[in-house]
Amino acid sequence: MHAWSLALPDPAATAAAGEALGRLAGGPLHLALVGDLGAGKTGFVQGLARGLGVAGPVTSPTFALAEPHAGRLPLLHVDLYRVEPEELPHAGIDEQVWTWPGVVAVEWADRAPGLLRDDHLELQIVDEGTGGRRLRARAAGPHSAALLARWSGEAL
């Protein structure tokens, strides 16, 4: 598994990291976003959406579970915060996730093991206790490893 770590001193840096990934992304791509409440997962997805050319606002689909957005690549933004793992099979999003032709970004992905493709990027955002955050990215497959290598080489 390939891994990379990046300091995120503020929300603008978090969004910029997402935007850089969005510019490089090809589809299909699955992203597992993990982190505490308020860590910056939605801010990262908002930057990702800009990098994908999504027009209009991107907010966390906490109550809808999944929100599609049109862009250079279509984005499916999923938020599992309000879903318990045993409820997921009844939520009806697994087929949408597996057949989505573009980028799938799942917040709280740790609540749904097996929802994403085996080849995906896991993006963990952690509080460093200094007011900043750290992004830890791990690639789980050859497609995501190649993307991670390109992304980590970008000047953010």
Protein backbone atom coordinates (compact mmCIF):
# COMPACT_ATOMS: atom_id res chain seq x y z
CA MET A 1 0.00 0.00 0.00
CA HIS A 2 1.35 3.44 -0.91
CA ALA A 3 1.02 6.25 1.64
CA TRP A 4 1.60 10.00 1.87
CA SER A 5 1.10 12.64 4.54
CA LEU A 6 0.47 16.38 4.21
CA ALA A 7 0.18 19.17 6.80
CA LEU A 8 -3.04 21.19 6.51
CA PRO A 9 -2.52 24.40 8.51
CA ASP A 10 -6.01 25.79 7.81
CA PRO A 11 -9.29 25.11 5.97
CA ALA A 12 -7.97 26.81 2.81
CA ALA A 13 -5.10 24.30 2.66
CA THR A 14 -7.57 21.44 3.11
CA ALA A 15 -9.67 22.69 0.18
CA ALA A 16 -6.53 23.28 -1.91
CA ALA A 17 -5.42 19.67 -1.37
CA GLY A 18 -8.85 18.48 -2.52
CA GLU A 19 -8.78 20.77 -5.54
CA ALA A 20 -5.36 19.47 -6.59
CA LEU A 21 -6.64 15.89 -6.39
CA GLY A 22 -9.73 16.83 -8.39
CA ARG A 23 -7.63 18.29 -11.21
CA LEU A 24 -5.69 15.01 -11.48
CA ALA A 25 -8.58 12.59 -11.03
CA GLY A 26 -9.80 10.21 -13.68
CA GLY A 27 -12.76 7.94 -13.28
CA PRO A 28 -13.92 5.86 -11.80
CA LEU A 29 -12.29 6.85 -8.51
CA HIS A 30 -13.44 6.02 -4.99
CA LEU A 31 -12.34 8.08 -1.99
CA ALA A 32 -12.87 7.03 1.63
CA LEU A 33 -12.80 10.11 3.87
CA VAL A 34 -12.26 9.45 7.56
CA GLY A 35 -11.89 11.89 10.45
CA ASP A 36 -13.56 13.28 13.51
CA LEU A 37 -16.54 15.61 13.33
CA GLY A 38 -15.25 18.99 12.11
CA ALA A 39 -11.96 17.60 10.79
CA GLY A 40 -12.45 19.08 7.32
CA LYS A 41 -13.87 16.22 5.27
CA THR A 42 -16.56 18.37 3.66
CA GLY A 43 -14.08 21.20 3.02
CA PHE A 44 -11.83 18.70 1.27
CA VAL A 45 -14.75 17.51 -0.90
CA GLN A 46 -15.64 21.12 -1.74
CA GLY A 47 -12.08 21.64 -3.03
CA LEU A 48 -12.24 18.30 -4.86
CA ALA A 49 -15.44 19.48 -6.56
CA ARG A 50 -13.73 22.68 -7.74
CA GLY A 51 -10.89 20.60 -9.19
CA LEU A 52 -13.47 18.47 -11.00
CA GLY A 53 -15.12 21.55 -12.48
CA VAL A 54 -18.33 21.26 -10.47
CA ALA A 55 -20.32 24.50 -10.61
CA GLY A 56 -22.48 25.52 -7.69
CA PRO A 57 -22.38 24.81 -3.99
CA VAL A 58 -21.32 21.48 -2.52
CA THR A 59 -22.64 20.82 0.97
CA SER A 60 -22.60 17.71 3.08
CA PRO A 61 -25.55 15.47 2.16
CA THR A 62 -26.06 14.34 5.77
CA PHE A 63 -29.80 13.81 5.42
CA ALA A 64 -29.97 12.83 1.74
CA LEU A 65 -26.95 10.45 2.14
CA ALA A 66 -25.79 11.01 -1.45
CA GLU A 67 -25.74 14.03 -3.72
CA PRO A 68 -24.65 13.92 -7.38
CA HIS A 69 -22.83 16.86 -8.98
CA ALA A 70 -22.00 17.43 -12.66
CA GLY A 71 -18.46 18.40 -13.63
CA ARG A 72 -15.57 17.33 -15.86
CA LEU A 73 -16.12 14.04 -14.06
CA PRO A 74 -19.39 13.52 -12.22
CA LEU A 75 -19.03 13.60 -8.43
CA LEU A 76 -21.13 11.56 -6.02
CA HIS A 77 -20.77 13.01 -2.53
CA VAL A 78 -21.88 10.56 0.17
CA ASP A 79 -22.13 11.28 3.91
CA LEU A 80 -22.68 8.32 6.24
CA TYR A 81 -22.62 10.28 9.50
CA ARG A 82 -26.24 9.47 10.35
CA VAL A 83 -26.14 5.85 9.13
CA GLU A 84 -25.40 2.94 11.41
CA PRO A 85 -23.48 0.10 9.72
CA GLU A 86 -26.40 -2.32 10.02
CA GLU A 87 -28.66 0.20 8.23
CA LEU A 88 -26.41 0.54 5.19
CA PRO A 89 -27.77 -2.44 3.24
CA HIS A 90 -31.21 -0.81 3.45
CA ALA A 91 -30.05 2.71 2.55
CA GLY A 92 -29.96 1.89 -1.18
CA ILE A 93 -26.71 3.64 -2.05
CA ASP A 94 -24.43 0.66 -2.65
CA GLU A 95 -25.55 0.13 -6.26
CA GLN A 96 -25.26 3.86 -6.99
CA VAL A 97 -21.72 3.89 -5.56
CA TRP A 98 -20.59 0.80 -7.47
CA THR A 99 -21.96 1.97 -10.83
CA TRP A 100 -20.98 5.65 -10.58
CA PRO A 101 -18.82 6.55 -13.63
CA GLY A 102 -16.83 9.38 -12.01
CA VAL A 103 -15.59 10.19 -8.53
CA VAL A 104 -17.26 8.88 -5.38
CA ALA A 105 -16.27 10.69 -2.17
CA VAL A 106 -17.63 9.01 0.98
CA GLU A 107 -17.45 10.87 4.28
CA TRP A 108 -17.43 8.59 7.33
CA ALA A 109 -16.43 5.71 5.07
CA ASP A 110 -15.25 3.73 8.10
CA ARG A 111 -18.95 3.15 8.88
CA ALA A 112 -19.33 1.13 5.66
CA PRO A 113 -16.50 -1.34 5.11
CA GLY A 114 -16.85 -2.93 1.70
CA LEU A 115 -18.90 -0.10 0.20
CA LEU A 116 -16.05 1.16 -1.97
CA ARG A 117 -14.04 -0.60 -4.64
CA ASP A 118 -10.97 -2.50 -3.48
CA ASP A 119 -8.84 0.01 -5.43
CA HIS A 120 -9.54 3.31 -3.62
CA LEU A 121 -7.83 6.14 -1.79
CA GLU A 122 -8.28 6.35 1.96
CA LEU A 123 -7.99 9.92 3.18
CA GLN A 124 -7.78 10.40 6.92
CA ILE A 125 -7.81 13.93 8.33
CA VAL A 126 -6.57 14.18 11.91
CA ASP A 127 -6.27 17.07 14.36
CA GLU A 128 -2.63 17.69 15.23
CA GLY A 129 -3.53 19.60 18.39
CA THR A 130 -1.83 22.76 17.15
CA GLY A 131 -4.83 24.20 15.33
CA GLY A 132 -3.80 22.43 12.14
CA ARG A 133 -4.69 19.10 10.63
CA ARG A 134 -2.77 16.36 8.87
CA LEU A 135 -3.98 14.49 5.82
CA ARG A 136 -2.87 10.87 5.65
CA ALA A 137 -3.51 9.28 2.28
CA ARG A 138 -3.20 5.58 1.53
CA ALA A 139 -3.71 3.92 -1.81
CA ALA A 140 -5.31 0.48 -1.91
CA GLY A 141 -4.65 -0.64 -5.47
CA PRO A 142 -2.70 0.18 -8.62
CA HIS A 143 -5.02 2.89 -10.01
CA SER A 144 -5.15 4.78 -6.72
CA ALA A 145 -1.40 4.27 -6.15
CA ALA A 146 -0.62 5.90 -9.52
CA LEU A 147 -2.94 8.80 -8.71
CA LEU A 148 -1.43 9.19 -5.24
CA ALA A 149 2.07 9.32 -6.74
CA ARG A 150 0.99 12.12 -9.12
CA TRP A 151 -0.92 13.99 -6.40
CA SER A 152 1.91 13.84 -3.87
CA GLY A 153 4.23 15.26 -6.54
CA GLU A 154 2.01 18.32 -7.07
CA ALA A 155 3.08 21.55 -5.42
CA LEU A 156 0.20 22.27 -3.05
